[in-house]
Protein backbone atom coordinates (compact mmCIF):
# COMPACT_ATOMS: atom_id res chain seq x y z
CA MET A 1 -8.17 -42.49 -1.57
CA LEU A 2 -4.73 -41.28 -1.99
CA SER A 3 -2.12 -41.76 0.07
CA TYR A 4 -0.54 -39.49 1.81
CA PRO A 5 2.65 -38.97 -0.68
CA SER A 6 0.01 -39.05 -3.79
CA ALA A 7 -2.08 -36.30 -2.20
CA LEU A 8 1.12 -34.02 -1.68
CA LEU A 9 2.00 -34.68 -5.15
CA VAL A 10 -1.73 -33.55 -6.12
CA SER A 11 -1.27 -30.47 -3.95
CA LEU A 12 2.19 -29.02 -5.16
CA ILE A 13 0.76 -29.68 -8.90
CA ALA A 14 -2.34 -27.78 -8.36
CA PHE A 15 -0.88 -25.12 -6.35
CA LEU A 16 2.17 -24.62 -9.26
CA ILE A 17 -0.88 -24.65 -12.01
CA LEU A 18 -2.48 -21.56 -9.58
CA ALA A 19 0.48 -19.86 -9.33
CA MET A 20 1.38 -19.76 -13.15
CA ARG A 21 -1.42 -18.67 -14.14
CA ASN A 22 -1.58 -16.20 -11.26
CA LEU A 23 1.57 -14.64 -12.88
CA ARG A 24 -0.31 -14.35 -16.11
CA ASP A 25 -3.41 -12.57 -14.60
CA PHE A 26 -1.31 -9.90 -12.50
CA ARG A 27 -1.32 -7.20 -14.09
CA VAL A 28 1.70 -4.76 -14.10
CA PRO A 29 1.04 -0.98 -14.34
CA ARG A 30 2.10 0.91 -17.12
CA ARG A 31 3.67 3.84 -16.98
CA GLN A 32 0.91 6.25 -18.01
CA PHE A 33 -0.77 8.73 -16.25
CA PRO A 34 -4.78 9.40 -16.53
CA ASP A 35 -6.14 11.83 -19.08
CA SER A 36 -7.64 13.57 -16.23
CA ALA A 37 -6.10 15.01 -13.04
CA PRO A 38 -7.66 14.30 -10.02
CA LEU A 39 -6.43 15.55 -6.49
CA VAL A 40 -4.85 12.54 -4.61
CA SER A 41 -5.12 12.81 -0.98
CA VAL A 42 -1.35 10.59 0.27
CA CYS A 43 -2.26 9.70 3.99
CA LEU A 44 0.41 8.59 5.87
CA PRO A 45 -0.08 7.57 10.07
CA VAL A 46 2.95 7.57 11.48
CA ARG A 47 4.33 6.71 14.69
CA ASN A 48 7.81 7.57 15.95
CA GLU A 49 9.38 6.77 12.35
CA GLU A 50 12.04 9.21 12.69
CA ALA A 51 14.33 6.60 10.51
CA ASN A 52 11.79 6.38 7.45
CA ILE A 53 9.78 9.78 7.39
CA GLU A 54 12.11 11.71 5.20
CA ALA A 55 13.22 8.88 2.48
CA CYS A 56 9.30 8.21 2.15
CA LEU A 57 8.20 12.34 1.93
CA ARG A 58 10.97 12.93 -0.45
CA GLY A 59 9.61 9.58 -2.83
CA ILE A 60 6.00 10.88 -2.04
CA MET A 61 7.53 15.00 -2.98
CA GLY A 62 9.53 13.20 -6.22
CA GLN A 63 6.45 12.04 -7.90
CA ALA A 64 5.95 12.57 -11.22
CA TYR A 65 2.31 13.31 -10.84
CA GLN A 66 1.90 16.45 -8.69
CA ASN A 67 -1.53 16.67 -8.17
CA LEU A 68 -1.79 15.72 -4.40
CA GLU A 69 -2.00 16.57 -0.81
CA ILE A 70 0.34 14.88 1.67
CA LEU A 71 -1.09 14.43 5.05
CA VAL A 72 0.74 13.06 7.81
CA LEU A 73 -1.48 11.90 10.89
CA ASP A 74 1.44 12.13 13.78
CA ASP A 75 -0.12 9.50 16.50
CA GLY A 76 1.90 9.99 19.55
CA SER A 77 5.69 10.34 18.46
CA ASP A 78 8.22 10.78 21.18
CA ASP A 79 11.09 11.02 18.65
CA ARG A 80 11.85 13.54 16.02
CA THR A 81 9.27 12.25 13.78
CA PRO A 82 6.70 15.64 13.83
CA GLU A 83 10.12 17.73 13.87
CA ILE A 84 11.46 15.99 9.97
CA VAL A 85 7.60 16.48 8.52
CA ARG A 86 7.27 20.15 9.78
CA ALA A 87 10.96 20.92 8.04
CA LEU A 88 9.58 19.37 4.93
CA SER A 89 6.75 21.22 5.04
CA SER A 90 8.64 24.56 4.46
CA GLU A 91 9.96 22.75 1.61
CA ASP A 92 6.65 21.48 -0.15
CA SER A 93 3.55 23.23 0.69
CA ARG A 94 1.21 20.04 0.16
CA ILE A 95 2.70 18.17 3.44
CA ARG A 96 0.59 18.77 6.16
CA LEU A 97 0.85 17.67 9.61
CA ILE A 98 -2.01 16.12 11.30
CA HIS A 99 -1.59 15.69 15.43
CA ALA A 100 -3.79 12.41 16.41
CA GLN A 101 -6.40 12.44 18.73
CA ALA A 102 -6.59 9.79 21.53
CA ILE A 103 -7.94 6.74 20.48
CA GLN A 104 -11.47 5.92 21.05
CA PRO A 105 -12.98 2.59 22.27
CA GLY A 106 -13.39 -0.05 19.90
CA TRP A 107 -10.64 1.35 17.42
CA ALA A 108 -7.84 -0.56 16.68
CA GLY A 109 -4.20 2.01 16.49
CA LYS A 110 -3.53 2.16 13.15
CA CYS A 111 -7.14 1.80 11.95
CA HIS A 112 -7.61 4.88 14.30
CA ALA A 113 -4.67 6.67 12.77
CA CYS A 114 -5.91 6.51 9.07
CA ALA A 115 -9.48 7.31 9.71
CA GLN A 116 -8.42 10.68 11.21
CA ALA A 117 -6.01 11.32 8.19
CA ALA A 118 -8.62 10.23 5.82
CA ALA A 119 -11.30 12.71 7.42
CA HIS A 120 -8.76 15.45 6.50
CA ALA A 121 -8.71 14.19 3.01
CA GLN A 122 -9.87 16.55 0.10
CA GLY A 123 -8.82 14.60 -2.88
CA ASP A 124 -10.75 12.51 -4.99
CA TYR A 125 -8.92 9.54 -4.36
CA VAL A 126 -7.31 8.59 -0.69
CA LEU A 127 -3.93 6.50 -0.74
CA PHE A 128 -2.47 5.02 2.52
CA MET A 129 0.80 4.32 2.09
CA ASP A 130 3.68 3.18 5.12
CA ALA A 131 6.53 5.29 6.51
CA ASP A 132 8.51 2.47 5.46
CA THR A 133 7.75 2.42 1.95
CA ARG A 134 9.69 4.14 -0.78
CA ALA A 135 7.99 5.30 -3.94
CA ASN A 136 10.03 5.79 -7.19
CA SER A 137 8.58 8.78 -8.93
CA GLU A 138 6.07 6.80 -11.24
CA LEU A 139 4.07 4.65 -8.45
CA ILE A 140 1.22 7.15 -7.69
CA GLY A 141 0.50 8.19 -11.62
CA SER A 142 0.90 4.57 -12.83
CA ALA A 143 -1.53 3.11 -9.95
CA LEU A 144 -3.72 5.99 -10.54
CA ALA A 145 -4.34 5.51 -14.01
CA GLU A 146 -5.12 1.62 -13.69
CA ALA A 147 -7.95 2.56 -10.70
CA GLU A 148 -9.19 4.86 -13.35
CA GLU A 149 -8.84 2.56 -16.43
CA THR A 150 -10.70 -0.50 -14.21
CA GLY A 151 -13.26 1.86 -12.17
CA ALA A 152 -11.83 -0.45 -9.24
CA ASP A 153 -12.54 0.89 -5.89
CA LEU A 154 -9.92 -0.12 -4.15
CA THR A 155 -6.22 -0.29 -6.21
CA THR A 156 -3.13 -1.76 -4.15
CA GLY A 157 0.48 -3.20 -5.03
CA PHE A 158 2.52 -5.64 -3.53
CA PRO A 159 6.14 -3.87 -3.31
CA GLU A 160 9.57 -5.14 -3.32
CA GLN A 161 10.12 -6.10 0.12
CA LEU A 162 13.62 -5.48 0.90
CA THR A 163 15.52 -7.70 3.29
CA GLY A 164 18.09 -7.41 6.16
CA SER A 165 18.13 -10.05 8.54
CA ILE A 166 18.33 -13.77 7.56
CA SER A 167 14.78 -13.57 9.42
CA GLU A 168 13.82 -10.85 7.19
CA GLN A 169 14.79 -13.10 3.97
CA LEU A 170 12.75 -16.19 5.37
CA VAL A 171 9.66 -14.31 6.71
CA LEU A 172 8.99 -11.64 4.16
CA PRO A 173 9.10 -13.41 0.99
CA MET A 174 6.02 -15.51 2.33
CA LEU A 175 3.90 -12.38 1.79
CA HIS A 176 4.25 -12.98 -1.96
CA PHE A 177 4.47 -16.66 -2.17
CA LEU A 178 1.23 -17.38 -0.04
CA VAL A 179 -0.92 -14.92 -2.80
CA LEU A 180 0.84 -16.57 -5.69
CA THR A 181 0.07 -20.07 -4.08
CA LEU A 182 -3.69 -19.81 -2.14
CA LEU A 183 -5.08 -16.69 -4.28
CA PRO A 184 -6.96 -17.43 -7.72
CA VAL A 185 -6.07 -13.76 -8.77
CA ARG A 186 -8.66 -14.22 -11.63
CA LYS A 187 -11.51 -14.39 -9.00
CA VAL A 188 -10.22 -10.98 -7.28
CA TRP A 189 -11.16 -9.38 -10.73
CA GLU A 190 -14.25 -11.37 -11.43
CA ASP A 191 -16.02 -12.58 -8.12
CA PRO A 192 -17.52 -9.95 -5.79
CA ARG A 193 -17.06 -12.40 -2.57
CA PRO A 194 -15.52 -10.89 0.15
CA ALA A 195 -13.23 -14.14 0.53
CA PHE A 196 -11.22 -13.05 -2.97
CA CYS A 197 -10.25 -9.87 -1.67
CA ALA A 198 -6.68 -9.39 -0.87
CA ALA A 199 -4.65 -6.12 -0.58
CA CYS A 200 -1.28 -5.04 0.90
CA GLY A 201 -1.85 -2.62 3.47
CA GLN A 202 1.40 -0.35 2.67
CA PHE A 203 0.19 0.88 -0.71
CA LEU A 204 -4.14 0.88 -0.35
CA LEU A 205 -5.50 3.22 -3.18
CA PHE A 206 -9.34 4.33 -2.57
């Protein structure tokens, strides 16, 4: 039986080996677009996001891949979020503002908002993003190319986390640390069991 220090050392070595393998197995999207041009429905569930929504939408509006519809599901905002969305929709006809219905029993708030947005989607693909994300111009096209190439039902991305406060600098990097050290990425590709599924809710392309 291993002593506590020996067991700890073995665990740390195992984590290091897994992290090194994960870094090798992670797929980095290439800067390419699919040969076909399927419609992508970008769904943004929002509530009181006046500080974020314009920058988020402008990043989506400026995508190099242009075959998009942009559905903003406003879930009862009492700030200027709907007003900002309406102003941007006058610049880009792909943007549509949808007002959420009252939440139904058995639902959680964001899931309910996402389901309502998806019900309006017309695209071949449905992409859920958060309002606090910022997209470079190749984000959607390269993710779509990855989805088309692999035939994946879900393609996700782990974005760079921009931190400000000390607490954010301590906590947010743990999201990547946990994936790198605890999730065998190769199993995500090869094993159909749900235990090996992982995704980042800030970017979900179905």
